[in-house]
């Protein structure tokens, strides 16, 4: 079985303290904390739409100044098929 070696003294002390307070093993409290964090990060999508919108607004002026597509006359605009 793989092992996890925690070399950060603060993390070790926090896990030990929570283990002592809860009466559970250090492995159990670390497992619970990791599961809660994974659940939190999976559900935390707040602000993504706003960040994407801001990025689109920032990129819009750059896209407007692109040169015309050199291959545009090779394809029909309605069907997308070669002419």
C-alpha atoms as a PDB file:
ATOM      1  CA  UNK A   1       0.000   0.000   0.000  1.00  0.00           C
ATOM      2  CA  UNK A   2       1.329   3.493  -0.854  1.00  0.00           C
ATOM      3  CA  UNK A   3       2.298   5.741   2.032  1.00  0.00           C
ATOM      4  CA  UNK A   4       2.012   9.456   2.635  1.00  0.00           C
ATOM      5  CA  UNK A   5       4.921  11.060   4.411  1.00  0.00           C
ATOM      6  CA  UNK A   6       3.958  14.467   5.789  1.00  0.00           C
ATOM      7  CA  UNK A   7       7.097  16.552   6.225  1.00  0.00           C
ATOM      8  CA  UNK A   8       5.386  19.811   7.103  1.00  0.00           C
ATOM      9  CA  UNK A   9       5.400  20.140  10.912  1.00  0.00           C
ATOM     10  CA  UNK A  10       2.338  22.422  10.951  1.00  0.00           C
ATOM     11  CA  UNK A  11       0.271  20.008   8.863  1.00  0.00           C
ATOM     12  CA  UNK A  12       1.358  17.125  11.065  1.00  0.00           C
ATOM     13  CA  UNK A  13       0.426  19.029  14.244  1.00  0.00           C
ATOM     14  CA  UNK A  14      -2.973  20.045  12.839  1.00  0.00           C
ATOM     15  CA  UNK A  15      -3.748  16.444  11.890  1.00  0.00           C
ATOM     16  CA  UNK A  16      -2.579  15.246  15.303  1.00  0.00           C
ATOM     17  CA  UNK A  17      -4.671  17.851  17.138  1.00  0.00           C
ATOM     18  CA  UNK A  18      -7.799  17.050  15.148  1.00  0.00           C
ATOM     19  CA  UNK A  19      -7.182  13.350  15.690  1.00  0.00           C
ATOM     20  CA  UNK A  20      -6.935  13.840  19.457  1.00  0.00           C
ATOM     21  CA  UNK A  21     -10.004  16.080  19.632  1.00  0.00           C
ATOM     22  CA  UNK A  22     -12.181  13.799  17.518  1.00  0.00           C
ATOM     23  CA  UNK A  23     -10.918  10.466  18.844  1.00  0.00           C
ATOM     24  CA  UNK A  24     -10.259   9.305  15.285  1.00  0.00           C
ATOM     25  CA  UNK A  25      -7.023   8.259  13.676  1.00  0.00           C
ATOM     26  CA  UNK A  26      -4.851  10.780  11.866  1.00  0.00           C
ATOM     27  CA  UNK A  27      -5.520   8.881   8.655  1.00  0.00           C
ATOM     28  CA  UNK A  28      -9.260   9.215   9.213  1.00  0.00           C
ATOM     29  CA  UNK A  29      -9.177  12.962   9.858  1.00  0.00           C
ATOM     30  CA  UNK A  30      -6.922  13.566   6.853  1.00  0.00           C
ATOM     31  CA  UNK A  31      -9.197  11.443   4.668  1.00  0.00           C
ATOM     32  CA  UNK A  32     -12.262  13.419   5.804  1.00  0.00           C
ATOM     33  CA  UNK A  33     -10.536  16.740   5.229  1.00  0.00           C
ATOM     34  CA  UNK A  34      -9.437  15.739   1.729  1.00  0.00           C
ATOM     35  CA  UNK A  35     -12.928  14.469   0.854  1.00  0.00           C
ATOM     36  CA  UNK A  36     -14.507  17.737   2.054  1.00  0.00           C
ATOM     37  CA  UNK A  37     -12.005  19.786   0.058  1.00  0.00           C
ATOM     38  CA  UNK A  38     -12.595  17.731  -3.088  1.00  0.00           C
ATOM     39  CA  UNK A  39     -16.354  18.152  -2.705  1.00  0.00           C
ATOM     40  CA  UNK A  40     -15.930  21.881  -2.137  1.00  0.00           C
ATOM     41  CA  UNK A  41     -13.703  22.394  -5.170  1.00  0.00           C
ATOM     42  CA  UNK A  42     -15.935  20.260  -7.408  1.00  0.00           C
ATOM     43  CA  UNK A  43     -18.985  22.350  -6.524  1.00  0.00           C
ATOM     44  CA  UNK A  44     -17.247  25.720  -6.427  1.00  0.00           C
ATOM     45  CA  UNK A  45     -17.767  27.050  -9.907  1.00  0.00           C
ATOM     46  CA  UNK A  46     -18.790  30.478  -8.737  1.00  0.00           C
ATOM     47  CA  UNK A  47     -17.363  33.264 -10.758  1.00  0.00           C
ATOM     48  CA  UNK A  48     -16.406  31.179 -13.785  1.00  0.00           C
ATOM     49  CA  UNK A  49     -18.983  32.855 -16.043  1.00  0.00           C
ATOM     50  CA  UNK A  50     -17.890  36.283 -14.870  1.00  0.00           C
ATOM     51  CA  UNK A  51     -14.212  35.488 -15.467  1.00  0.00           C
ATOM     52  CA  UNK A  52     -14.949  34.107 -18.942  1.00  0.00           C
ATOM     53  CA  UNK A  53     -17.026  37.179 -19.788  1.00  0.00           C
ATOM     54  CA  UNK A  54     -14.228  39.487 -18.659  1.00  0.00           C
ATOM     55  CA  UNK A  55     -11.751  37.532 -20.753  1.00  0.00           C
ATOM     56  CA  UNK A  56     -14.019  37.735 -23.799  1.00  0.00           C
ATOM     57  CA  UNK A  57     -14.340  41.502 -23.377  1.00  0.00           C
ATOM     58  CA  UNK A  58     -10.570  41.788 -23.111  1.00  0.00           C
ATOM     59  CA  UNK A  59      -9.983  39.638 -26.208  1.00  0.00           C
ATOM     60  CA  UNK A  60     -12.696  41.212 -28.407  1.00  0.00           C
ATOM     61  CA  UNK A  61     -10.618  44.215 -29.539  1.00  0.00           C
ATOM     62  CA  UNK A  62      -7.752  41.914 -30.460  1.00  0.00           C
ATOM     63  CA  UNK A  63      -9.970  39.675 -32.594  1.00  0.00           C
ATOM     64  CA  UNK A  64     -11.489  42.635 -34.455  1.00  0.00           C
ATOM     65  CA  UNK A  65      -8.047  43.584 -35.773  1.00  0.00           C
ATOM     66  CA  UNK A  66      -7.157  40.179 -37.191  1.00  0.00           C
ATOM     67  CA  UNK A  67      -6.479  40.068 -40.939  1.00  0.00           C
ATOM     68  CA  UNK A  68      -9.245  38.565 -43.088  1.00  0.00           C
ATOM     69  CA  UNK A  69      -9.264  34.810 -43.455  1.00  0.00           C
ATOM     70  CA  UNK A  70      -7.130  33.996 -46.523  1.00  0.00           C
ATOM     71  CA  UNK A  71      -9.127  30.796 -47.056  1.00  0.00           C
ATOM     72  CA  UNK A  72     -12.597  32.360 -46.813  1.00  0.00           C
ATOM     73  CA  UNK A  73     -13.127  32.336 -50.592  1.00  0.00           C
ATOM     74  CA  UNK A  74     -12.405  28.591 -50.758  1.00  0.00           C
ATOM     75  CA  UNK A  75     -15.538  27.598 -48.803  1.00  0.00           C
ATOM     76  CA  UNK A  76     -19.216  28.342 -49.222  1.00  0.00           C
ATOM     77  CA  UNK A  77     -20.453  30.426 -46.266  1.00  0.00           C
ATOM     78  CA  UNK A  78     -23.818  28.695 -46.028  1.00  0.00           C
ATOM     79  CA  UNK A  79     -22.776  25.053 -46.315  1.00  0.00           C
ATOM     80  CA  UNK A  80     -19.151  25.219 -45.300  1.00  0.00           C
ATOM     81  CA  UNK A  81     -18.297  22.977 -48.224  1.00  0.00           C
ATOM     82  CA  UNK A  82     -15.469  23.665 -50.664  1.00  0.00           C
ATOM     83  CA  UNK A  83     -16.470  25.750 -53.670  1.00  0.00           C
END
